Amino acid sequence: MITITLLTPNKIPHKVEVPENATVEQVKEESKSFANCDPKSIKLLYNKKILRDNILINTLGLKENDFIIIYTPKNSRNNSQPPNQSPP
């Protein structure tokens, strides 16, 4: 298992453990609980590049303090407010 730091759009770091041969798609699945959106709409960025789903995480050359950025389109993020209510 390897530990990866994922940085959410709100700049909150989350650590996830995945098998060493995990794909980007598997990491997206692991991040769905705190990314607050469908894993299919999540994009992962590392070294200023969007990672394809079939890439193996262990081929990225991640170092101890490196992180992967989670990008989610604004319209796919789950909001905590119902759509017809305005903020207080």
PDB file of N, CA and C in Angstrom:
ATOM      1  N   MET A   1       0.845  -1.190   0.000  1.00  0.00           N
ATOM      2  CA  MET A   1       0.000   0.000   0.000  1.00  0.00           C
ATOM      3  C   MET A   1       0.885   1.246   0.000  1.00  0.00           C
ATOM      4  N   ILE A   2       0.377   2.286  -0.673  1.00  0.00           N
ATOM      5  CA  ILE A   2       1.064   3.573  -0.651  1.00  0.00           C
ATOM      6  C   ILE A   2       0.075   4.639  -0.186  1.00  0.00           C
ATOM      7  N   THR A   3       0.599   5.661   0.445  1.00  0.00           N
ATOM      8  CA  THR A   3      -0.226   6.765   0.928  1.00  0.00           C
ATOM      9  C   THR A   3      -0.035   7.951  -0.010  1.00  0.00           C
ATOM     10  N   ILE A   4      -1.155   8.506  -0.461  1.00  0.00           N
ATOM     11  CA  ILE A   4      -1.140   9.633  -1.391  1.00  0.00           C
ATOM     12  C   ILE A   4      -1.861  10.800  -0.732  1.00  0.00           C
ATOM     13  N   THR A   5      -1.320  11.995  -0.896  1.00  0.00           N
ATOM     14  CA  THR A   5      -1.996  13.191  -0.402  1.00  0.00           C
ATOM     15  C   THR A   5      -2.748  13.820  -1.564  1.00  0.00           C
ATOM     16  N   LEU A   6      -4.050  13.994  -1.372  1.00  0.00           N
ATOM     17  CA  LEU A   6      -4.900  14.631  -2.367  1.00  0.00           C
ATOM     18  C   LEU A   6      -5.324  15.989  -1.823  1.00  0.00           C
ATOM     19  N   LEU A   7      -5.274  17.006  -2.663  1.00  0.00           N
ATOM     20  CA  LEU A   7      -5.647  18.356  -2.275  1.00  0.00           C
ATOM     21  C   LEU A   7      -6.968  18.711  -2.947  1.00  0.00           C
ATOM     22  N   THR A   8      -7.991  18.986  -2.121  1.00  0.00           N
ATOM     23  CA  THR A   8      -9.321  19.284  -2.652  1.00  0.00           C
ATOM     24  C   THR A   8      -9.377  20.691  -3.226  1.00  0.00           C
ATOM     25  N   PRO A   9     -10.462  21.038  -3.947  1.00  0.00           N
ATOM     26  CA  PRO A   9     -10.606  22.407  -4.469  1.00  0.00           C
ATOM     27  C   PRO A   9     -10.585  23.464  -3.360  1.00  0.00           C
ATOM     28  N   ASN A  10     -10.940  23.079  -2.137  1.00  0.00           N
ATOM     29  CA  ASN A  10     -10.911  24.011  -1.004  1.00  0.00           C
ATOM     30  C   ASN A  10      -9.547  24.043  -0.339  1.00  0.00           C
ATOM     31  N   LYS A  11      -8.560  23.406  -0.967  1.00  0.00           N
ATOM     32  CA  LYS A  11      -7.184  23.343  -0.465  1.00  0.00           C
ATOM     33  C   LYS A  11      -7.047  22.569   0.847  1.00  0.00           C
ATOM     34  N   ILE A  12      -7.908  21.588   1.044  1.00  0.00           N
ATOM     35  CA  ILE A  12      -7.848  20.731   2.229  1.00  0.00           C
ATOM     36  C   ILE A  12      -7.157  19.431   1.831  1.00  0.00           C
ATOM     37  N   PRO A  13      -6.042  19.101   2.486  1.00  0.00           N
ATOM     38  CA  PRO A  13      -5.343  17.856   2.140  1.00  0.00           C
ATOM     39  C   PRO A  13      -6.017  16.640   2.773  1.00  0.00           C
ATOM     40  N   HIS A  14      -6.066  15.565   2.018  1.00  0.00           N
ATOM     41  CA  HIS A  14      -6.595  14.280   2.490  1.00  0.00           C
ATOM     42  C   HIS A  14      -5.604  13.199   2.101  1.00  0.00           C
ATOM     43  N   LYS A  15      -5.330  12.306   3.019  1.00  0.00           N
ATOM     44  CA  LYS A  15      -4.437  11.187   2.725  1.00  0.00           C
ATOM     45  C   LYS A  15      -5.278   9.941   2.478  1.00  0.00           C
ATOM     46  N   VAL A  16      -4.952   9.234   1.424  1.00  0.00           N
ATOM     47  CA  VAL A  16      -5.627   7.974   1.108  1.00  0.00           C
ATOM     48  C   VAL A  16      -4.569   6.896   0.904  1.00  0.00           C
ATOM     49  N   GLU A  17      -4.925   5.679   1.279  1.00  0.00           N
ATOM     50  CA  GLU A  17      -4.054   4.539   1.036  1.00  0.00           C
ATOM     51  C   GLU A  17      -4.630   3.706  -0.091  1.00  0.00           C
ATOM     52  N   VAL A  18      -3.785   3.417  -1.054  1.00  0.00           N
ATOM     53  CA  VAL A  18      -4.199   2.603  -2.200  1.00  0.00           C
ATOM     54  C   VAL A  18      -3.116   1.563  -2.471  1.00  0.00           C
ATOM     55  N   PRO A  19      -3.475   0.475  -3.147  1.00  0.00           N
ATOM     56  CA  PRO A  19      -2.452  -0.506  -3.513  1.00  0.00           C
ATOM     57  C   PRO A  19      -1.387   0.143  -4.407  1.00  0.00           C
ATOM     58  N   GLU A  20      -0.198  -0.385  -4.384  1.00  0.00           N
ATOM     59  CA  GLU A  20       0.891   0.189  -5.185  1.00  0.00           C
ATOM     60  C   GLU A  20       0.594   0.186  -6.677  1.00  0.00           C
ATOM     61  N   ASN A  21      -0.229  -0.747  -7.125  1.00  0.00           N
ATOM     62  CA  ASN A  21      -0.563  -0.822  -8.553  1.00  0.00           C
ATOM     63  C   ASN A  21      -1.917  -0.168  -8.856  1.00  0.00           C
ATOM     64  N   ALA A  22      -2.366   0.760  -8.001  1.00  0.00           N
ATOM     65  CA  ALA A  22      -3.660   1.430  -8.203  1.00  0.00           C
ATOM     66  C   ALA A  22      -3.605   2.357  -9.420  1.00  0.00           C
ATOM     67  N   THR A  23      -4.746   2.473 -10.064  1.00  0.00           N
ATOM     68  CA  THR A  23      -4.859   3.385 -11.193  1.00  0.00           C
ATOM     69  C   THR A  23      -5.438   4.713 -10.709  1.00  0.00           C
ATOM     70  N   VAL A  24      -5.377   5.711 -11.571  1.00  0.00           N
ATOM     71  CA  VAL A  24      -5.975   7.017 -11.280  1.00  0.00           C
ATOM     72  C   VAL A  24      -7.463   6.839 -11.007  1.00  0.00           C
ATOM     73  N   GLU A  25      -8.116   5.987 -11.763  1.00  0.00           N
ATOM     74  CA  GLU A  25      -9.543   5.740 -11.569  1.00  0.00           C
ATOM     75  C   GLU A  25      -9.840   5.224 -10.156  1.00  0.00           C
ATOM     76  N   GLN A  26      -8.995   4.350  -9.634  1.00  0.00           N
ATOM     77  CA  GLN A  26      -9.187   3.830  -8.283  1.00  0.00           C
ATOM     78  C   GLN A  26      -8.989   4.924  -7.233  1.00  0.00           C
ATOM     79  N   VAL A  27      -8.055   5.819  -7.465  1.00  0.00           N
ATOM     80  CA  VAL A  27      -7.831   6.932  -6.542  1.00  0.00           C
ATOM     81  C   VAL A  27      -9.042   7.863  -6.556  1.00  0.00           C
ATOM     82  N   LYS A  28      -9.626   8.079  -7.725  1.00  0.00           N
ATOM     83  CA  LYS A  28     -10.844   8.895  -7.811  1.00  0.00           C
ATOM     84  C   LYS A  28     -11.962   8.284  -6.970  1.00  0.00           C
ATOM     85  N   GLU A  29     -12.097   6.963  -7.040  1.00  0.00           N
ATOM     86  CA  GLU A  29     -13.116   6.281  -6.235  1.00  0.00           C
ATOM     87  C   GLU A  29     -12.871   6.493  -4.744  1.00  0.00           C
ATOM     88  N   GLU A  30     -11.609   6.440  -4.339  1.00  0.00           N
ATOM     89  CA  GLU A  30     -11.261   6.662  -2.938  1.00  0.00           C
ATOM     90  C   GLU A  30     -11.549   8.085  -2.495  1.00  0.00           C
ATOM     91  N   SER A  31     -11.505   9.033  -3.421  1.00  0.00           N
ATOM     92  CA  SER A  31     -11.666  10.445  -3.067  1.00  0.00           C
ATOM     93  C   SER A  31     -13.108  10.927  -3.110  1.00  0.00           C
ATOM     94  N   LYS A  32     -14.029  10.100  -3.561  1.00  0.00           N
ATOM     95  CA  LYS A  32     -15.401  10.571  -3.745  1.00  0.00           C
ATOM     96  C   LYS A  32     -16.059  11.014  -2.437  1.00  0.00           C
ATOM     97  N   SER A  33     -15.657  10.442  -1.304  1.00  0.00           N
ATOM     98  CA  SER A  33     -16.292  10.804  -0.032  1.00  0.00           C
ATOM     99  C   SER A  33     -15.971  12.231   0.393  1.00  0.00           C
ATOM    100  N   PHE A  34     -14.796  12.726   0.077  1.00  0.00           N
ATOM    101  CA  PHE A  34     -14.467  14.096   0.467  1.00  0.00           C
ATOM    102  C   PHE A  34     -14.423  15.063  -0.717  1.00  0.00           C
ATOM    103  N   ALA A  35     -14.467  14.559  -1.933  1.00  0.00           N
ATOM    104  CA  ALA A  35     -14.517  15.446  -3.099  1.00  0.00           C
ATOM    105  C   ALA A  35     -15.943  15.924  -3.359  1.00  0.00           C
ATOM    106  N   ASN A  36     -16.917  15.237  -2.757  1.00  0.00           N
ATOM    107  CA  ASN A  36     -18.331  15.613  -2.855  1.00  0.00           C
ATOM    108  C   ASN A  36     -18.838  15.688  -4.287  1.00  0.00           C
ATOM    109  N   CYS A  37     -18.447  14.727  -5.090  1.00  0.00           N
ATOM    110  CA  CYS A  37     -19.003  14.662  -6.439  1.00  0.00           C
ATOM    111  C   CYS A  37     -18.768  13.269  -7.017  1.00  0.00           C
ATOM    112  N   ASP A  38     -19.402  13.035  -8.131  1.00  0.00           N
ATOM    113  CA  ASP A  38     -19.287  11.755  -8.824  1.00  0.00           C
ATOM    114  C   ASP A  38     -17.845  11.558  -9.295  1.00  0.00           C
ATOM    115  N   PRO A  39     -17.238  10.410  -9.000  1.00  0.00           N
ATOM    116  CA  PRO A  39     -15.852  10.167  -9.413  1.00  0.00           C
ATOM    117  C   PRO A  39     -15.616  10.337 -10.915  1.00  0.00           C
ATOM    118  N   LYS A  40     -16.651  10.123 -11.724  1.00  0.00           N
ATOM    119  CA  LYS A  40     -16.479  10.261 -13.173  1.00  0.00           C
ATOM    120  C   LYS A  40     -16.248  11.708 -13.598  1.00  0.00           C
ATOM    121  N   SER A  41     -16.667  12.663 -12.771  1.00  0.00           N
ATOM    122  CA  SER A  41     -16.461  14.069 -13.125  1.00  0.00           C
ATOM    123  C   SER A  41     -15.196  14.652 -12.491  1.00  0.00           C
ATOM    124  N   ILE A  42     -14.519  13.860 -11.648  1.00  0.00           N
ATOM    125  CA  ILE A  42     -13.285  14.315 -11.002  1.00  0.00           C
ATOM    126  C   ILE A  42     -12.118  14.227 -11.990  1.00  0.00           C
ATOM    127  N   LYS A  43     -11.278  15.228 -11.948  1.00  0.00           N
ATOM    128  CA  LYS A  43     -10.011  15.206 -12.684  1.00  0.00           C
ATOM    129  C   LYS A  43      -8.900  15.288 -11.646  1.00  0.00           C
ATOM    130  N   LEU A  44      -7.870  14.485 -11.816  1.00  0.00           N
ATOM    131  CA  LEU A  44      -6.710  14.546 -10.938  1.00  0.00           C
ATOM    132  C   LEU A  44      -5.558  15.168 -11.707  1.00  0.00           C
ATOM    133  N   LEU A  45      -4.875  16.102 -11.064  1.00  0.00           N
ATOM    134  CA  LEU A  45      -3.761  16.797 -11.697  1.00  0.00           C
ATOM    135  C   LEU A  45      -2.487  16.576 -10.889  1.00  0.00           C
ATOM    136  N   TYR A  46      -1.419  16.292 -11.603  1.00  0.00           N
ATOM    137  CA  TYR A  46      -0.116  16.145 -10.971  1.00  0.00           C
ATOM    138  C   TYR A  46       0.923  16.730 -11.914  1.00  0.00           C
ATOM    139  N   ASN A  47       1.771  17.571 -11.379  1.00  0.00           N
ATOM    140  CA  ASN A  47       2.818  18.191 -12.197  1.00  0.00           C
ATOM    141  C   ASN A  47       2.229  18.960 -13.381  1.00  0.00           C
ATOM    142  N   LYS A  48       1.118  19.636 -13.139  1.00  0.00           N
ATOM    143  CA  LYS A  48       0.423  20.468 -14.137  1.00  0.00           C
ATOM    144  C   LYS A  48      -0.154  19.662 -15.291  1.00  0.00           C
ATOM    145  N   LYS A  49      -0.373  18.364 -15.076  1.00  0.00           N
ATOM    146  CA  LYS A  49      -0.944  17.514 -16.125  1.00  0.00           C
ATOM    147  C   LYS A  49      -2.177  16.811 -15.595  1.00  0.00           C
ATOM    148  N   ILE A  50      -3.199  16.705 -16.442  1.00  0.00           N
ATOM    149  CA  ILE A  50      -4.390  15.933 -16.099  1.00  0.00           C
ATOM    150  C   ILE A  50      -4.053  14.459 -16.285  1.00  0.00           C
ATOM    151  N   LEU A  51      -4.336  13.676 -15.261  1.00  0.00           N
ATOM    152  CA  LEU A  51      -4.007  12.253 -15.294  1.00  0.00           C
ATOM    153  C   LEU A  51      -5.147  11.439 -15.891  1.00  0.00           C
ATOM    154  N   ARG A  52      -4.811  10.573 -16.843  1.00  0.00           N
ATOM    155  CA  ARG A  52      -5.813   9.679 -17.436  1.00  0.00           C
ATOM    156  C   ARG A  52      -6.141   8.560 -16.460  1.00  0.00           C
ATOM    157  N   ASP A  53      -7.356   8.056 -16.544  1.00  0.00           N
ATOM    158  CA  ASP A  53      -7.848   7.040 -15.606  1.00  0.00           C
ATOM    159  C   ASP A  53      -7.015   5.764 -15.574  1.00  0.00           C
ATOM    160  N   ASN A  54      -6.405   5.389 -16.690  1.00  0.00           N
ATOM    161  CA  ASN A  54      -5.698   4.110 -16.746  1.00  0.00           C
ATOM    162  C   ASN A  54      -4.234   4.190 -16.304  1.00  0.00           C
ATOM    163  N   ILE A  55      -3.757   5.371 -15.928  1.00  0.00           N
ATOM    164  CA  ILE A  55      -2.367   5.523 -15.493  1.00  0.00           C
ATOM    165  C   ILE A  55      -2.186   4.903 -14.112  1.00  0.00           C
ATOM    166  N   LEU A  56      -1.089   4.174 -13.928  1.00  0.00           N
ATOM    167  CA  LEU A  56      -0.764   3.603 -12.623  1.00  0.00           C
ATOM    168  C   LEU A  56      -0.111   4.682 -11.763  1.00  0.00           C
ATOM    169  N   ILE A  57      -0.588   4.809 -10.534  1.00  0.00           N
ATOM    170  CA  ILE A  57      -0.084   5.831  -9.625  1.00  0.00           C
ATOM    171  C   ILE A  57       1.409   5.652  -9.363  1.00  0.00           C
ATOM    172  N   ASN A  58       1.865   4.400  -9.274  1.00  0.00           N
ATOM    173  CA  ASN A  58       3.279   4.168  -8.960  1.00  0.00           C
ATOM    174  C   ASN A  58       4.220   4.558 -10.100  1.00  0.00           C
ATOM    175  N   THR A  59       3.709   4.912 -11.264  1.00  0.00           N
ATOM    176  CA  THR A  59       4.559   5.348 -12.376  1.00  0.00           C
ATOM    177  C   THR A  59       4.747   6.864 -12.405  1.00  0.00           C
ATOM    178  N   LEU A  60       4.085   7.591 -11.493  1.00  0.00           N
ATOM    179  CA  LEU A  60       4.154   9.050 -11.496  1.00  0.00           C
ATOM    180  C   LEU A  60       5.427   9.592 -10.854  1.00  0.00           C
ATOM    181  N   GLY A  61       6.094   8.785 -10.058  1.00  0.00           N
ATOM    182  CA  GLY A  61       7.296   9.249  -9.382  1.00  0.00           C
ATOM    183  C   GLY A  61       6.992  10.192  -8.227  1.00  0.00           C
ATOM    184  N   LEU A  62       5.871   9.946  -7.534  1.00  0.00           N
ATOM    185  CA  LEU A  62       5.501  10.783  -6.390  1.00  0.00           C
ATOM    186  C   LEU A  62       6.565  10.693  -5.304  1.00  0.00           C
ATOM    187  N   LYS A  63       6.879  11.850  -4.729  1.00  0.00           N
ATOM    188  CA  LYS A  63       7.811  11.896  -3.615  1.00  0.00           C
ATOM    189  C   LYS A  63       7.041  12.151  -2.324  1.00  0.00           C
ATOM    190  N   GLU A  64       7.722  12.084  -1.199  1.00  0.00           N
ATOM    191  CA  GLU A  64       7.072  12.138   0.108  1.00  0.00           C
ATOM    192  C   GLU A  64       6.158  13.350   0.295  1.00  0.00           C
ATOM    193  N   ASN A  65       6.561  14.539  -0.081  1.00  0.00           N
ATOM    194  CA  ASN A  65       5.759  15.740   0.145  1.00  0.00           C
ATOM    195  C   ASN A  65       4.934  16.162  -1.064  1.00  0.00           C
ATOM    196  N   ASP A  66       4.894  15.356  -2.099  1.00  0.00           N
ATOM    197  CA  ASP A  66       4.100  15.665  -3.289  1.00  0.00           C
ATOM    198  C   ASP A  66       2.617  15.450  -3.015  1.00  0.00           C
ATOM    199  N   PHE A  67       1.793  16.091  -3.811  1.00  0.00           N
ATOM    200  CA  PHE A  67       0.356  15.879  -3.694  1.00  0.00           C
ATOM    201  C   PHE A  67      -0.270  15.906  -5.071  1.00  0.00           C
ATOM    202  N   ILE A  68      -1.452  15.334  -5.148  1.00  0.00           N
ATOM    203  CA  ILE A  68      -2.247  15.333  -6.377  1.00  0.00           C
ATOM    204  C   ILE A  68      -3.439  16.249  -6.130  1.00  0.00           C
ATOM    205  N   ILE A  69      -3.718  17.103  -7.082  1.00  0.00           N
ATOM    206  CA  ILE A  69      -4.823  18.054  -6.950  1.00  0.00           C
ATOM    207  C   ILE A  69      -6.092  17.438  -7.516  1.00  0.00           C
ATOM    208  N   ILE A  70      -7.179  17.575  -6.765  1.00  0.00           N
ATOM    209  CA  ILE A  70      -8.491  17.136  -7.230  1.00  0.00           C
ATOM    210  C   ILE A  70      -9.182  18.336  -7.852  1.00  0.00           C
ATOM    211  N   TYR A  71      -9.597  18.189  -9.101  1.00  0.00           N
ATOM    212  CA  TYR A  71     -10.359  19.246  -9.763  1.00  0.00           C
ATOM    213  C   TYR A  71     -11.756  18.709 -10.031  1.00  0.00           C
ATOM    214  N   THR A  72     -12.745  19.461  -9.596  1.00  0.00           N
ATOM    215  CA  THR A  72     -14.132  19.087  -9.875  1.00  0.00           C
ATOM    216  C   THR A  72     -14.827  20.282 -10.499  1.00  0.00           C
ATOM    217  N   PRO A  73     -15.518  20.088 -11.608  1.00  0.00           N
ATOM    218  CA  PRO A  73     -16.269  21.199 -12.192  1.00  0.00           C
ATOM    219  C   PRO A  73     -17.277  21.722 -11.178  1.00  0.00           C
ATOM    220  N   LYS A  74     -17.440  23.036 -11.098  1.00  0.00           N
ATOM    221  CA  LYS A  74     -18.320  23.636 -10.088  1.00  0.00           C
ATOM    222  C   LYS A  74     -19.742  23.089 -10.148  1.00  0.00           C
ATOM    223  N   ASN A  75     -20.267  22.856 -11.333  1.00  0.00           N
ATOM    224  CA  ASN A  75     -21.658  22.394 -11.436  1.00  0.00           C
ATOM    225  C   ASN A  75     -21.828  20.931 -11.040  1.00  0.00           C
ATOM    226  N   SER A  76     -20.735  20.200 -10.808  1.00  0.00           N
ATOM    227  CA  SER A  76     -20.880  18.798 -10.403  1.00  0.00           C
ATOM    228  C   SER A  76     -20.646  18.605  -8.910  1.00  0.00           C
ATOM    229  N   ARG A  77     -20.262  19.658  -8.208  1.00  0.00           N
ATOM    230  CA  ARG A  77     -20.044  19.542  -6.761  1.00  0.00           C
ATOM    231  C   ARG A  77     -21.380  19.518  -6.052  1.00  0.00           C
ATOM    232  N   ASN A  78     -21.488  18.678  -5.056  1.00  0.00           N
ATOM    233  CA  ASN A  78     -22.699  18.610  -4.253  1.00  0.00           C
ATOM    234  C   ASN A  78     -22.715  19.788  -3.299  1.00  0.00           C
ATOM    235  N   ASN A  79     -23.791  20.515  -3.282  1.00  0.00           N
ATOM    236  CA  ASN A  79     -23.936  21.625  -2.351  1.00  0.00           C
ATOM    237  C   ASN A  79     -24.727  21.166  -1.154  1.00  0.00           C
ATOM    238  N   SER A  80     -24.488  21.796  -0.016  1.00  0.00           N
ATOM    239  CA  SER A  80     -25.210  21.411   1.185  1.00  0.00           C
ATOM    240  C   SER A  80     -26.574  22.074   1.260  1.00  0.00           C
ATOM    241  N   GLN A  81     -26.833  23.068   0.413  1.00  0.00           N
ATOM    242  CA  GLN A  81     -28.129  23.750   0.432  1.00  0.00           C
ATOM    243  C   GLN A  81     -29.023  23.220  -0.688  1.00  0.00           C
ATOM    244  N   PRO A  82     -30.319  23.133  -0.409  1.00  0.00           N
ATOM    245  CA  PRO A  82     -31.244  22.783  -1.491  1.00  0.00           C
ATOM    246  C   PRO A  82     -31.221  23.864  -2.558  1.00  0.00           C
ATOM    247  N   PRO A  83     -31.486  23.540  -3.819  1.00  0.00           N
ATOM    248  CA  PRO A  83     -31.316  24.489  -4.920  1.00  0.00           C
ATOM    249  C   PRO A  83     -32.206  25.730  -4.848  1.00  0.00           C
ATOM    250  N   ASN A  84     -33.374  25.677  -4.213  1.00  0.00           N
ATOM    251  CA  ASN A  84     -34.280  26.829  -4.219  1.00  0.00           C
ATOM    252  C   ASN A  84     -34.141  27.723  -3.004  1.00  0.00           C
ATOM    253  N   GLN A  85     -33.146  27.504  -2.183  1.00  0.00           N
ATOM    254  CA  GLN A  85     -32.966  28.353  -1.014  1.00  0.00           C
ATOM    255  C   GLN A  85     -31.767  29.253  -1.210  1.00  0.00           C
ATOM    256  N   SER A  86     -31.908  30.486  -0.724  1.00  0.00           N
ATOM    257  CA  SER A  86     -30.789  31.395  -0.789  1.00  0.00           C
ATOM    258  C   SER A  86     -30.055  31.357   0.547  1.00  0.00           C
ATOM    259  N   PRO A  87     -28.776  31.717   0.547  1.00  0.00           N
ATOM    260  CA  PRO A  87     -28.034  31.680   1.805  1.00  0.00           C
ATOM    261  C   PRO A  87     -28.586  32.696   2.803  1.00  0.00           C
ATOM    262  N   PRO A  88     -28.457  32.453   4.092  1.00  0.00           N
ATOM    263  CA  PRO A  88     -28.990  33.385   5.105  1.00  0.00           C
ATOM    264  C   PRO A  88     -28.286  34.724   5.114  1.00  0.00           C
TER     265      PRO A  88
END
